[in-house]
C-alpha atoms as a PDB file:
ATOM      1  CA  MET A   1       4.249  -6.986  -2.851  1.00  0.00           C
ATOM      2  CA  ILE A   2       2.014  -9.120  -0.699  1.00  0.00           C
ATOM      3  CA  LEU A   3       4.164 -10.503   2.117  1.00  0.00           C
ATOM      4  CA  HIS A   4       1.697 -13.063   3.429  1.00  0.00           C
ATOM      5  CA  ARG A   5      -1.720 -14.524   2.611  1.00  0.00           C
ATOM      6  CA  GLY A   6      -3.797 -16.349   5.189  1.00  0.00           C
ATOM      7  CA  SER A   7      -7.257 -17.101   6.484  1.00  0.00           C
ATOM      8  CA  LEU A   8      -9.126 -17.324   9.766  1.00  0.00           C
ATOM      9  CA  SER A   9     -11.025 -20.360  11.023  1.00  0.00           C
ATOM     10  CA  ILE A  10     -14.631 -20.758   9.901  1.00  0.00           C
ATOM     11  CA  GLU A  11     -15.824 -19.904  13.444  1.00  0.00           C
ATOM     12  CA  ASP A  12     -13.778 -16.689  13.599  1.00  0.00           C
ATOM     13  CA  LYS A  13     -14.845 -15.696  10.080  1.00  0.00           C
ATOM     14  CA  LYS A  14     -18.520 -16.144  11.033  1.00  0.00           C
ATOM     15  CA  ALA A  15     -18.153 -14.202  14.282  1.00  0.00           C
ATOM     16  CA  ILE A  16     -16.720 -11.191  12.469  1.00  0.00           C
ATOM     17  CA  SER A  17     -19.090 -11.222   9.499  1.00  0.00           C
ATOM     18  CA  LEU A  18     -22.202 -11.659  11.661  1.00  0.00           C
ATOM     19  CA  ALA A  19     -21.248  -8.625  13.742  1.00  0.00           C
ATOM     20  CA  VAL A  20     -20.045  -6.318  10.966  1.00  0.00           C
ATOM     21  CA  ASP A  21     -22.310  -7.222   8.043  1.00  0.00           C
ATOM     22  CA  ASP A  22     -25.365  -6.373  10.115  1.00  0.00           C
ATOM     23  CA  THR A  23     -27.973  -3.625  10.067  1.00  0.00           C
ATOM     24  CA  TRP A  24     -27.065  -2.540  13.610  1.00  0.00           C
ATOM     25  CA  PHE A  25     -23.313  -2.207  13.144  1.00  0.00           C
ATOM     26  CA  PRO A  26     -22.404   1.512  13.445  1.00  0.00           C
ATOM     27  CA  TRP A  27     -20.913   2.792  10.192  1.00  0.00           C
ATOM     28  CA  TYR A  28     -19.831   6.412   9.717  1.00  0.00           C
ATOM     29  CA  TRP A  29     -19.775   8.209   6.354  1.00  0.00           C
ATOM     30  CA  LYS A  30     -16.309   9.076   5.081  1.00  0.00           C
ATOM     31  CA  GLU A  31     -16.382  11.140   1.912  1.00  0.00           C
ATOM     32  CA  LYS A  32     -12.666  11.627   1.333  1.00  0.00           C
ATOM     33  CA  THR A  33      -9.321  11.666   3.008  1.00  0.00           C
ATOM     34  CA  ILE A  34      -7.110  14.731   3.035  1.00  0.00           C
ATOM     35  CA  ASN A  35      -3.379  14.260   3.257  1.00  0.00           C
ATOM     36  CA  LYS A  36      -1.383  17.212   4.582  1.00  0.00           C
ATOM     37  CA  LYS A  37       0.736  17.198   1.405  1.00  0.00           C
ATOM     38  CA  LYS A  38      -2.001  16.666  -1.202  1.00  0.00           C
ATOM     39  CA  GLU A  39      -5.621  15.775  -1.597  1.00  0.00           C
ATOM     40  CA  ILE A  40      -6.161  12.062  -2.024  1.00  0.00           C
ATOM     41  CA  TYR A  41      -9.248  10.811  -3.811  1.00  0.00           C
ATOM     42  CA  GLN A  42     -10.895   8.287  -1.555  1.00  0.00           C
ATOM     43  CA  ILE A  43     -13.886   6.395  -2.829  1.00  0.00           C
ATOM     44  CA  GLY A  44     -16.816   7.561  -0.719  1.00  0.00           C
ATOM     45  CA  GLY A  45     -17.818   4.941   1.785  1.00  0.00           C
ATOM     46  CA  PHE A  46     -18.285   4.106   5.400  1.00  0.00           C
ATOM     47  CA  SER A  47     -15.755   3.553   8.146  1.00  0.00           C
ATOM     48  CA  HIS A  48     -15.659   2.341  11.736  1.00  0.00           C
ATOM     49  CA  VAL A  49     -12.505   3.094  13.744  1.00  0.00           C
ATOM     50  CA  PHE A  50     -11.709   0.474  16.383  1.00  0.00           C
ATOM     51  CA  PHE A  51      -8.290   1.755  17.455  1.00  0.00           C
ATOM     52  CA  SER A  52      -6.353   4.954  16.778  1.00  0.00           C
ATOM     53  CA  THR A  53      -3.788   7.226  18.443  1.00  0.00           C
ATOM     54  CA  LEU A  54      -2.878   4.614  21.056  1.00  0.00           C
ATOM     55  CA  GLU A  55      -6.398   4.036  22.350  1.00  0.00           C
ATOM     56  CA  ILE A  56      -9.400   1.842  21.781  1.00  0.00           C
ATOM     57  CA  MET A  57     -12.050   3.974  20.087  1.00  0.00           C
ATOM     58  CA  SER A  58     -14.760   1.304  19.913  1.00  0.00           C
ATOM     59  CA  PRO A  59     -14.760  -0.804  23.099  1.00  0.00           C
ATOM     60  CA  LYS A  60     -17.952  -2.652  22.150  1.00  0.00           C
ATOM     61  CA  TYR A  61     -16.461  -3.990  18.896  1.00  0.00           C
ATOM     62  CA  PHE A  62     -12.716  -4.124  19.585  1.00  0.00           C
ATOM     63  CA  SER A  63     -13.029  -7.853  20.331  1.00  0.00           C
ATOM     64  CA  LEU A  64     -13.486  -8.358  16.568  1.00  0.00           C
ATOM     65  CA  VAL A  65     -10.015  -6.924  15.990  1.00  0.00           C
ATOM     66  CA  GLU A  66      -8.684  -9.152  18.769  1.00  0.00           C
ATOM     67  CA  ILE A  67      -9.847 -12.227  16.822  1.00  0.00           C
ATOM     68  CA  ILE A  68      -7.557 -11.224  13.950  1.00  0.00           C
ATOM     69  CA  LEU A  69      -4.717 -10.208  16.287  1.00  0.00           C
ATOM     70  CA  LYS A  70      -4.893 -13.612  17.976  1.00  0.00           C
ATOM     71  CA  GLU A  71      -4.388 -15.260  14.572  1.00  0.00           C
ATOM     72  CA  LEU A  72      -1.457 -12.979  13.752  1.00  0.00           C
ATOM     73  CA  LEU A  73       0.247 -13.584  17.095  1.00  0.00           C
ATOM     74  CA  THR A  74      -0.287 -17.365  17.357  1.00  0.00           C
ATOM     75  CA  ASN A  75      -0.007 -18.602  13.765  1.00  0.00           C
ATOM     76  CA  GLU A  76       3.389 -20.325  13.507  1.00  0.00           C
ATOM     77  CA  GLU A  77       3.954 -19.387   9.876  1.00  0.00           C
ATOM     78  CA  ILE A  78       3.381 -15.701  10.693  1.00  0.00           C
ATOM     79  CA  LYS A  79       5.506 -15.884  13.854  1.00  0.00           C
ATOM     80  CA  ASN A  80       8.344 -17.233  11.695  1.00  0.00           C
ATOM     81  CA  LYS A  81       8.065 -14.244   9.294  1.00  0.00           C
ATOM     82  CA  PHE A  82       7.104 -11.280  11.488  1.00  0.00           C
ATOM     83  CA  LYS A  83       7.557  -9.917  14.975  1.00  0.00           C
ATOM     84  CA  PHE A  84       4.664  -7.530  15.611  1.00  0.00           C
ATOM     85  CA  GLU A  85       5.142  -5.019  18.429  1.00  0.00           C
ATOM     86  CA  ARG A  86       2.037  -2.849  18.722  1.00  0.00           C
ATOM     87  CA  ILE A  87      -1.178  -1.906  17.041  1.00  0.00           C
ATOM     88  CA  VAL A  88      -1.144   1.507  15.358  1.00  0.00           C
ATOM     89  CA  ARG A  89      -4.632   1.689  13.824  1.00  0.00           C
ATOM     90  CA  ALA A  90      -7.575  -0.607  13.199  1.00  0.00           C
ATOM     91  CA  GLN A  91     -10.668   0.250  11.223  1.00  0.00           C
ATOM     92  CA  ALA A  92     -13.363  -1.332   9.089  1.00  0.00           C
ATOM     93  CA  ASN A  93     -14.154   0.108   5.660  1.00  0.00           C
ATOM     94  CA  LEU A  94     -17.259  -0.411   3.555  1.00  0.00           C
ATOM     95  CA  ILE A  95     -17.572   0.771  -0.026  1.00  0.00           C
ATOM     96  CA  CYS A  96     -20.665   0.260  -2.145  1.00  0.00           C
ATOM     97  CA  ASN A  97     -21.224  -0.960  -5.655  1.00  0.00           C
ATOM     98  CA  THR A  98     -20.670   1.481  -8.482  1.00  0.00           C
ATOM     99  CA  GLU A  99     -21.561   1.043 -12.111  1.00  0.00           C
ATOM    100  CA  ASN A 100     -18.117   2.000 -13.350  1.00  0.00           C
ATOM    101  CA  ASP A 101     -14.630   0.704 -12.650  1.00  0.00           C
ATOM    102  CA  GLU A 102     -13.750   3.245  -9.975  1.00  0.00           C
ATOM    103  CA  LYS A 103     -10.429   3.147  -8.110  1.00  0.00           C
ATOM    104  CA  ASN A 104      -9.233   5.224  -5.215  1.00  0.00           C
ATOM    105  CA  THR A 105      -5.928   7.064  -5.379  1.00  0.00           C
ATOM    106  CA  ILE A 106      -2.850   4.917  -5.221  1.00  0.00           C
ATOM    107  CA  HIS A 107      -1.593   5.516  -1.702  1.00  0.00           C
ATOM    108  CA  ILE A 108       0.338   4.188   1.263  1.00  0.00           C
ATOM    109  CA  ASP A 109      -1.117   3.714   4.745  1.00  0.00           C
ATOM    110  CA  PHE A 110       1.930   4.988   6.676  1.00  0.00           C
ATOM    111  CA  ASP A 111       5.375   6.038   5.483  1.00  0.00           C
ATOM    112  CA  TYR A 112       7.335   3.987   8.004  1.00  0.00           C
ATOM    113  CA  GLU A 113       9.532   1.051   7.056  1.00  0.00           C
ATOM    114  CA  ASN A 114       8.573  -0.948  10.160  1.00  0.00           C
ATOM    115  CA  TYR A 115       4.757  -0.702   9.782  1.00  0.00           C
ATOM    116  CA  PHE A 116       2.627  -3.472   8.291  1.00  0.00           C
ATOM    117  CA  SER A 117      -0.953  -3.329   7.018  1.00  0.00           C
ATOM    118  CA  VAL A 118      -3.276  -6.283   7.385  1.00  0.00           C
ATOM    119  CA  VAL A 119      -6.257  -6.260   5.035  1.00  0.00           C
ATOM    120  CA  TYR A 120      -8.911  -8.684   6.260  1.00  0.00           C
ATOM    121  CA  TYR A 121     -11.852  -9.449   3.952  1.00  0.00           C
ATOM    122  CA  VAL A 122     -15.128  -9.677   5.889  1.00  0.00           C
ATOM    123  CA  ILE A 123     -17.347 -10.829   3.005  1.00  0.00           C
ATOM    124  CA  ASP A 124     -16.983 -12.301  -0.454  1.00  0.00           C
ATOM    125  CA  SER A 125     -16.972  -9.492  -2.984  1.00  0.00           C
ATOM    126  CA  ASP A 126     -15.216  -8.058  -5.973  1.00  0.00           C
ATOM    127  CA  GLY A 127     -13.306  -4.807  -5.766  1.00  0.00           C
ATOM    128  CA  ASP A 128      -9.762  -6.084  -5.690  1.00  0.00           C
ATOM    129  CA  THR A 129      -6.929  -4.729  -3.586  1.00  0.00           C
ATOM    130  CA  LEU A 130      -4.329  -3.606  -6.120  1.00  0.00           C
ATOM    131  CA  ILE A 131      -0.611  -3.561  -5.282  1.00  0.00           C
ATOM    132  CA  TYR A 132       1.648  -1.209  -7.282  1.00  0.00           C
ATOM    133  CA  ASN A 133       5.354  -0.744  -7.859  1.00  0.00           C
ATOM    134  CA  GLU A 134       7.095   2.656  -7.787  1.00  0.00           C
ATOM    135  CA  GLN A 135       6.157   3.261 -11.439  1.00  0.00           C
ATOM    136  CA  GLN A 136       2.505   2.704 -10.429  1.00  0.00           C
ATOM    137  CA  HIS A 137       2.090  -0.499 -12.426  1.00  0.00           C
ATOM    138  CA  ILE A 138       0.005  -3.259 -10.851  1.00  0.00           C
ATOM    139  CA  ILE A 139       2.332  -5.978  -9.562  1.00  0.00           C
ATOM    140  CA  ASP A 140      -0.156  -7.992  -7.499  1.00  0.00           C
ATOM    141  CA  ARG A 141      -3.824  -8.068  -6.595  1.00  0.00           C
ATOM    142  CA  GLU A 142      -6.117  -9.809  -4.147  1.00  0.00           C
ATOM    143  CA  SER A 143      -9.822 -10.457  -4.618  1.00  0.00           C
ATOM    144  CA  PRO A 144     -11.935 -10.186  -1.449  1.00  0.00           C
ATOM    145  CA  LYS A 145     -12.779 -13.628  -0.073  1.00  0.00           C
ATOM    146  CA  ALA A 146     -14.512 -13.848   3.300  1.00  0.00           C
ATOM    147  CA  GLY A 147     -12.170 -14.877   6.104  1.00  0.00           C
ATOM    148  CA  HIS A 148      -8.984 -14.279   4.120  1.00  0.00           C
ATOM    149  CA  TYR A 149      -6.339 -11.621   4.765  1.00  0.00           C
ATOM    150  CA  ILE A 150      -3.153 -10.253   3.302  1.00  0.00           C
ATOM    151  CA  ILE A 151      -0.185  -8.524   4.912  1.00  0.00           C
ATOM    152  CA  ILE A 152       1.729  -5.789   3.103  1.00  0.00           C
ATOM    153  CA  LYS A 153       4.208  -3.168   4.224  1.00  0.00           C
ATOM    154  CA  SER A 154       2.292  -0.013   5.168  1.00  0.00           C
ATOM    155  CA  ASN A 155       4.518   2.013   2.829  1.00  0.00           C
ATOM    156  CA  GLN A 156       3.611  -0.252  -0.113  1.00  0.00           C
ATOM    157  CA  LEU A 157       1.696   1.571  -2.854  1.00  0.00           C
ATOM    158  CA  HIS A 158      -1.812   0.151  -3.140  1.00  0.00           C
ATOM    159  CA  GLY A 159      -5.421   0.993  -3.918  1.00  0.00           C
ATOM    160  CA  VAL A 160      -8.837  -0.604  -4.259  1.00  0.00           C
ATOM    161  CA  GLN A 161     -11.500  -0.972  -6.892  1.00  0.00           C
ATOM    162  CA  THR A 162     -15.180  -0.557  -6.159  1.00  0.00           C
ATOM    163  CA  PRO A 163     -17.330  -3.676  -6.362  1.00  0.00           C
ATOM    164  CA  LYS A 164     -19.326  -4.005  -9.581  1.00  0.00           C
ATOM    165  CA  HIS A 165     -20.928  -7.440  -9.136  1.00  0.00           C
ATOM    166  CA  HIS A 166     -21.614  -7.351  -5.378  1.00  0.00           C
ATOM    167  CA  LYS A 167     -23.518  -4.759  -3.354  1.00  0.00           C
ATOM    168  CA  LYS A 168     -20.573  -3.888  -1.113  1.00  0.00           C
ATOM    169  CA  ARG A 169     -16.971  -4.563  -0.109  1.00  0.00           C
ATOM    170  CA  ILE A 170     -16.135  -4.756   3.611  1.00  0.00           C
ATOM    171  CA  VAL A 171     -12.582  -4.994   4.928  1.00  0.00           C
ATOM    172  CA  PHE A 172     -10.670  -4.451   8.143  1.00  0.00           C
ATOM    173  CA  ASN A 173      -7.445  -2.485   7.818  1.00  0.00           C
ATOM    174  CA  ILE A 174      -5.139  -3.109  10.770  1.00  0.00           C
ATOM    175  CA  VAL A 175      -1.745  -1.398  10.924  1.00  0.00           C
ATOM    176  CA  LEU A 176       0.911  -2.895  13.191  1.00  0.00           C
ATOM    177  CA  SER A 177       4.462  -1.903  13.957  1.00  0.00           C
ATOM    178  CA  GLY A 178       7.075  -4.618  13.905  1.00  0.00           C
ATOM    179  CA  GLU A 179       9.746  -6.233  11.795  1.00  0.00           C
ATOM    180  CA  ILE A 180      10.313  -9.021   9.340  1.00  0.00           C
ATOM    181  CA  VAL A 181      12.321 -11.742  11.059  1.00  0.00           C
ATOM    182  CA  ASN A 182      12.739 -14.084   8.063  1.00  0.00           C
ATOM    183  CA  SER A 183      12.264 -13.114   4.433  1.00  0.00           C
END
């Protein structure tokens, strides 16, 4: 289930999209993800890791993540729902248009009860984020709208569709540890 929906200011949205949706932004090909327990089908695409394993991996662009973190830490509605403790991982993902309705494997980001995933939509696109229950039925979905974000538990089953009507889908995926303070 989606725990929170929100959006950044127009200025913050523009700052992120101008930097990321640009010819000079460094994207790295990511064909698939391998889980230690099983192979997970990941739609081929591009990734840019900002933060991982307790360190900033992309100092030049980490300020883009800080824009989103500032929103999460200062927004009163979010502060009344969540207490975030630390950043676990932050990356940008870009997948391209396909002619068919392709979905990646239903997965979780991390199998920890106290981890939360923020999906921030950099540009308007299709290629919904799909939220599943334990029986793998879709229980919620979010269409990418520039400047908007959702927060889900990192152990929530989810997946994405490829865009069919837009050239690409660009999102930030930020994982934070913390707790829900009011539900």
